[in-house]
Amino acid sequence: MRAVVQRVKEAAVVIGGQQVGRVGKGLLVFLGVGQEDQAADVRVMVDKVANLRIFADADDKMNHSVLDIQGQVLVVSQFTLWGDCRKGRRPSFTSAAPPNIARLLYEAFVEGLGGLGLTVQTGRFQEIMEVHLVNDGPVTLLLDTRKLF
């Protein structure tokens, strides 16, 4: 499971001119599910995202998590995180999980964050989306459960 995690002041998803998800201060998480991902990957990723200490404390040090600040999380599915660009000029997405599996693990990730008491908004799985954000910092991190175990 791969994620691009961005600390944001606000973020929103628009589909067909309609806003479908919006958060204030917190995180924007682009989440990609790989072919080998399982429930254990979801648990690891939920824990890592929820507890990343990337929000400033009173001394302006990154010591608080999104849980600590009672922030919000916008989760957007993004299979392109599994794009392999090593050969040619067109990415290969053969390492991405098939949509039926990816959807289940994506939804489990969203539910896992919500189960921790976080306010979670989403885009729509397998939709073309516009993502609007105000990155805070900027702070952008790459996570991969294959490197977190």
C-alpha atoms as a PDB file:
ATOM      1  CA  MET A   1       0.000   0.000   0.000  1.00  0.00           C
ATOM      2  CA  ARG A   2       1.378   3.378  -0.963  1.00  0.00           C
ATOM      3  CA  ALA A   3       0.385   6.829   0.160  1.00  0.00           C
ATOM      4  CA  VAL A   4       1.319  10.404  -0.534  1.00  0.00           C
ATOM      5  CA  VAL A   5       0.486  12.322   2.631  1.00  0.00           C
ATOM      6  CA  GLN A   6       0.247  16.097   2.527  1.00  0.00           C
ATOM      7  CA  ARG A   7      -0.272  18.415   5.462  1.00  0.00           C
ATOM      8  CA  VAL A   8      -2.980  20.842   4.360  1.00  0.00           C
ATOM      9  CA  LYS A   9      -4.762  23.945   5.541  1.00  0.00           C
ATOM     10  CA  GLU A  10      -7.730  22.755   3.482  1.00  0.00           C
ATOM     11  CA  ALA A  11      -8.491  20.335   0.679  1.00  0.00           C
ATOM     12  CA  ALA A  12     -11.489  19.388  -1.450  1.00  0.00           C
ATOM     13  CA  VAL A  13     -12.504  16.921  -4.161  1.00  0.00           C
ATOM     14  CA  VAL A  14     -14.747  17.966  -7.028  1.00  0.00           C
ATOM     15  CA  ILE A  15     -16.388  15.568  -9.480  1.00  0.00           C
ATOM     16  CA  GLY A  16     -18.343  16.889 -12.428  1.00  0.00           C
ATOM     17  CA  GLY A  17     -18.466  20.364 -10.918  1.00  0.00           C
ATOM     18  CA  GLN A  18     -19.845  19.076  -7.584  1.00  0.00           C
ATOM     19  CA  GLN A  19     -17.828  19.092  -4.387  1.00  0.00           C
ATOM     20  CA  VAL A  20     -17.967  15.607  -2.869  1.00  0.00           C
ATOM     21  CA  GLY A  21     -15.465  15.914  -0.024  1.00  0.00           C
ATOM     22  CA  ARG A  22     -13.851  18.761   1.903  1.00  0.00           C
ATOM     23  CA  VAL A  23     -11.615  19.096   4.961  1.00  0.00           C
ATOM     24  CA  GLY A  24     -10.018  21.903   6.886  1.00  0.00           C
ATOM     25  CA  LYS A  25      -6.695  21.652   8.686  1.00  0.00           C
ATOM     26  CA  GLY A  26      -5.333  18.143   8.530  1.00  0.00           C
ATOM     27  CA  LEU A  27      -4.135  15.695   5.905  1.00  0.00           C
ATOM     28  CA  LEU A  28      -4.747  14.910   2.262  1.00  0.00           C
ATOM     29  CA  VAL A  29      -3.905  11.261   1.614  1.00  0.00           C
ATOM     30  CA  PHE A  30      -3.588   9.875  -1.889  1.00  0.00           C
ATOM     31  CA  LEU A  31      -3.833   6.103  -1.404  1.00  0.00           C
ATOM     32  CA  GLY A  32      -2.811   3.401  -3.862  1.00  0.00           C
ATOM     33  CA  VAL A  33      -3.407  -0.301  -3.282  1.00  0.00           C
ATOM     34  CA  GLY A  34      -0.981  -2.855  -4.705  1.00  0.00           C
ATOM     35  CA  GLN A  35      -1.572  -6.408  -5.855  1.00  0.00           C
ATOM     36  CA  GLU A  36       0.043  -7.932  -2.763  1.00  0.00           C
ATOM     37  CA  ASP A  37      -1.662  -5.699  -0.198  1.00  0.00           C
ATOM     38  CA  GLN A  38      -3.774  -7.247   2.562  1.00  0.00           C
ATOM     39  CA  ALA A  39      -5.519  -6.286   5.789  1.00  0.00           C
ATOM     40  CA  ALA A  40      -2.156  -6.056   7.579  1.00  0.00           C
ATOM     41  CA  ASP A  41      -1.106  -3.301   5.165  1.00  0.00           C
ATOM     42  CA  VAL A  42      -4.266  -1.372   5.993  1.00  0.00           C
ATOM     43  CA  ARG A  43      -3.570  -1.609   9.736  1.00  0.00           C
ATOM     44  CA  VAL A  44       0.026  -0.453   9.322  1.00  0.00           C
ATOM     45  CA  MET A  45      -0.931   2.436   7.051  1.00  0.00           C
ATOM     46  CA  VAL A  46      -3.790   3.610   9.277  1.00  0.00           C
ATOM     47  CA  ASP A  47      -1.488   3.635  12.298  1.00  0.00           C
ATOM     48  CA  LYS A  48       1.317   5.418  10.458  1.00  0.00           C
ATOM     49  CA  VAL A  49      -0.883   8.119   8.898  1.00  0.00           C
ATOM     50  CA  ALA A  50      -2.857   8.819  12.065  1.00  0.00           C
ATOM     51  CA  ASN A  51       0.242   9.082  14.223  1.00  0.00           C
ATOM     52  CA  LEU A  52       2.714  10.884  11.959  1.00  0.00           C
ATOM     53  CA  ARG A  53       4.034  13.794  13.975  1.00  0.00           C
ATOM     54  CA  ILE A  54       4.034  16.454  11.278  1.00  0.00           C
ATOM     55  CA  PHE A  55       2.081  19.273  12.935  1.00  0.00           C
ATOM     56  CA  ALA A  56       3.836  21.990  14.904  1.00  0.00           C
ATOM     57  CA  ASP A  57       3.822  22.260  18.671  1.00  0.00           C
ATOM     58  CA  ALA A  58       4.176  25.518  20.650  1.00  0.00           C
ATOM     59  CA  ASP A  59       7.904  25.565  19.814  1.00  0.00           C
ATOM     60  CA  ASP A  60       7.197  25.155  16.079  1.00  0.00           C
ATOM     61  CA  LYS A  61       8.610  21.604  16.096  1.00  0.00           C
ATOM     62  CA  MET A  62       6.852  18.767  14.298  1.00  0.00           C
ATOM     63  CA  ASN A  63       5.616  16.954  17.399  1.00  0.00           C
ATOM     64  CA  HIS A  64       1.857  16.577  16.890  1.00  0.00           C
ATOM     65  CA  SER A  65      -0.147  14.121  14.819  1.00  0.00           C
ATOM     66  CA  VAL A  66      -3.460  14.693  13.088  1.00  0.00           C
ATOM     67  CA  LEU A  67      -5.016  12.904  16.062  1.00  0.00           C
ATOM     68  CA  ASP A  68      -3.332  15.311  18.495  1.00  0.00           C
ATOM     69  CA  ILE A  69      -4.628  18.398  16.701  1.00  0.00           C
ATOM     70  CA  GLN A  70      -8.055  16.847  16.044  1.00  0.00           C
ATOM     71  CA  GLY A  71      -7.505  17.482  12.360  1.00  0.00           C
ATOM     72  CA  GLN A  72      -9.419  16.114   9.418  1.00  0.00           C
ATOM     73  CA  VAL A  73      -8.370  13.718   6.675  1.00  0.00           C
ATOM     74  CA  LEU A  74      -9.333  13.666   2.994  1.00  0.00           C
ATOM     75  CA  VAL A  75      -8.564  10.283   1.387  1.00  0.00           C
ATOM     76  CA  VAL A  76      -8.389  10.018  -2.401  1.00  0.00           C
ATOM     77  CA  SER A  77      -7.864   6.707  -4.191  1.00  0.00           C
ATOM     78  CA  GLN A  78      -4.969   6.849  -6.640  1.00  0.00           C
ATOM     79  CA  PHE A  79      -3.910   3.673  -8.408  1.00  0.00           C
ATOM     80  CA  THR A  80      -1.298   5.664 -10.339  1.00  0.00           C
ATOM     81  CA  LEU A  81       0.942   5.508  -7.264  1.00  0.00           C
ATOM     82  CA  TRP A  82       1.690   2.005  -8.513  1.00  0.00           C
ATOM     83  CA  GLY A  83       2.772   3.251 -11.945  1.00  0.00           C
ATOM     84  CA  ASP A  84       6.030   1.732 -13.137  1.00  0.00           C
ATOM     85  CA  CYS A  85       7.912   4.156 -15.380  1.00  0.00           C
ATOM     86  CA  ARG A  86      11.137   2.213 -15.771  1.00  0.00           C
ATOM     87  CA  LYS A  87      10.505   1.106 -19.369  1.00  0.00           C
ATOM     88  CA  GLY A  88       9.355   3.253 -22.235  1.00  0.00           C
ATOM     89  CA  ARG A  89       7.282   6.379 -21.793  1.00  0.00           C
ATOM     90  CA  ARG A  90       3.918   5.004 -20.808  1.00  0.00           C
ATOM     91  CA  PRO A  91       3.560   3.874 -17.179  1.00  0.00           C
ATOM     92  CA  SER A  92       2.585   0.298 -16.491  1.00  0.00           C
ATOM     93  CA  PHE A  93       0.020  -0.271 -13.762  1.00  0.00           C
ATOM     94  CA  THR A  94       0.272  -4.049 -13.514  1.00  0.00           C
ATOM     95  CA  SER A  95       1.373  -3.815  -9.865  1.00  0.00           C
ATOM     96  CA  ALA A  96      -1.841  -2.045  -8.850  1.00  0.00           C
ATOM     97  CA  ALA A  97      -4.522  -4.196  -7.257  1.00  0.00           C
ATOM     98  CA  PRO A  98      -7.602  -4.989  -9.350  1.00  0.00           C
ATOM     99  CA  PRO A  99     -10.459  -2.553  -8.633  1.00  0.00           C
ATOM    100  CA  ASN A 100     -12.615  -4.994  -6.617  1.00  0.00           C
ATOM    101  CA  ILE A 101      -9.751  -5.725  -4.186  1.00  0.00           C
ATOM    102  CA  ALA A 102      -8.458  -2.148  -4.144  1.00  0.00           C
ATOM    103  CA  ARG A 103     -11.895  -0.782  -3.264  1.00  0.00           C
ATOM    104  CA  LEU A 104     -12.221  -3.078  -0.245  1.00  0.00           C
ATOM    105  CA  LEU A 105      -8.808  -2.137   1.139  1.00  0.00           C
ATOM    106  CA  TYR A 106      -9.319   1.555   0.380  1.00  0.00           C
ATOM    107  CA  GLU A 107     -12.638   1.492   2.259  1.00  0.00           C
ATOM    108  CA  ALA A 108     -11.018  -0.398   5.136  1.00  0.00           C
ATOM    109  CA  PHE A 109      -8.347   2.327   5.358  1.00  0.00           C
ATOM    110  CA  VAL A 110     -11.017   5.048   5.475  1.00  0.00           C
ATOM    111  CA  GLU A 111     -12.969   3.119   8.129  1.00  0.00           C
ATOM    112  CA  GLY A 112      -9.788   2.567  10.134  1.00  0.00           C
ATOM    113  CA  LEU A 113      -9.061   6.284  10.327  1.00  0.00           C
ATOM    114  CA  GLY A 114     -12.684   7.016  11.213  1.00  0.00           C
ATOM    115  CA  GLY A 115     -12.540   4.372  13.928  1.00  0.00           C
ATOM    116  CA  LEU A 116      -9.805   6.404  15.606  1.00  0.00           C
ATOM    117  CA  GLY A 117     -12.201   9.329  15.929  1.00  0.00           C
ATOM    118  CA  LEU A 118     -10.897  11.295  12.960  1.00  0.00           C
ATOM    119  CA  THR A 119     -13.234  13.175  10.651  1.00  0.00           C
ATOM    120  CA  VAL A 120     -12.636  11.557   7.257  1.00  0.00           C
ATOM    121  CA  GLN A 121     -13.886  12.674   3.869  1.00  0.00           C
ATOM    122  CA  THR A 122     -13.245  10.935   0.553  1.00  0.00           C
ATOM    123  CA  GLY A 123     -13.332  11.281  -3.152  1.00  0.00           C
ATOM    124  CA  ARG A 124     -15.079   8.571  -5.164  1.00  0.00           C
ATOM    125  CA  PHE A 125     -13.378   5.354  -6.089  1.00  0.00           C
ATOM    126  CA  GLN A 126     -12.664   4.965  -9.845  1.00  0.00           C
ATOM    127  CA  GLU A 127     -13.839   8.479 -10.705  1.00  0.00           C
ATOM    128  CA  ILE A 128     -12.040  11.298 -12.474  1.00  0.00           C
ATOM    129  CA  MET A 129     -11.566  13.890  -9.741  1.00  0.00           C
ATOM    130  CA  GLU A 130     -10.293  17.416  -9.326  1.00  0.00           C
ATOM    131  CA  VAL A 131      -8.374  17.784  -6.082  1.00  0.00           C
ATOM    132  CA  HIS A 132      -7.974  21.280  -4.672  1.00  0.00           C
ATOM    133  CA  LEU A 133      -5.635  21.883  -1.774  1.00  0.00           C
ATOM    134  CA  VAL A 134      -3.675  24.424   0.158  1.00  0.00           C
ATOM    135  CA  ASN A 135      -0.525  22.582   1.172  1.00  0.00           C
ATOM    136  CA  ASP A 136       0.770  23.661   4.568  1.00  0.00           C
ATOM    137  CA  GLY A 137       4.536  23.954   4.720  1.00  0.00           C
ATOM    138  CA  PRO A 138       4.701  22.357   2.237  1.00  0.00           C
ATOM    139  CA  VAL A 139       4.911  19.004   3.985  1.00  0.00           C
ATOM    140  CA  THR A 140       4.596  15.993   1.690  1.00  0.00           C
ATOM    141  CA  LEU A 141       5.620  12.450   2.627  1.00  0.00           C
ATOM    142  CA  LEU A 142       5.741   9.165   0.736  1.00  0.00           C
ATOM    143  CA  LEU A 143       4.746   5.985   2.575  1.00  0.00           C
ATOM    144  CA  ASP A 144       4.940   2.396   1.394  1.00  0.00           C
ATOM    145  CA  THR A 145       3.908  -0.468   3.662  1.00  0.00           C
ATOM    146  CA  ARG A 146       6.569  -2.687   2.062  1.00  0.00           C
ATOM    147  CA  LYS A 147       9.091  -0.337   3.675  1.00  0.00           C
ATOM    148  CA  LEU A 148       7.237  -0.007   6.992  1.00  0.00           C
ATOM    149  CA  PHE A 149       7.080  -3.656   8.101  1.00  0.00           C
END
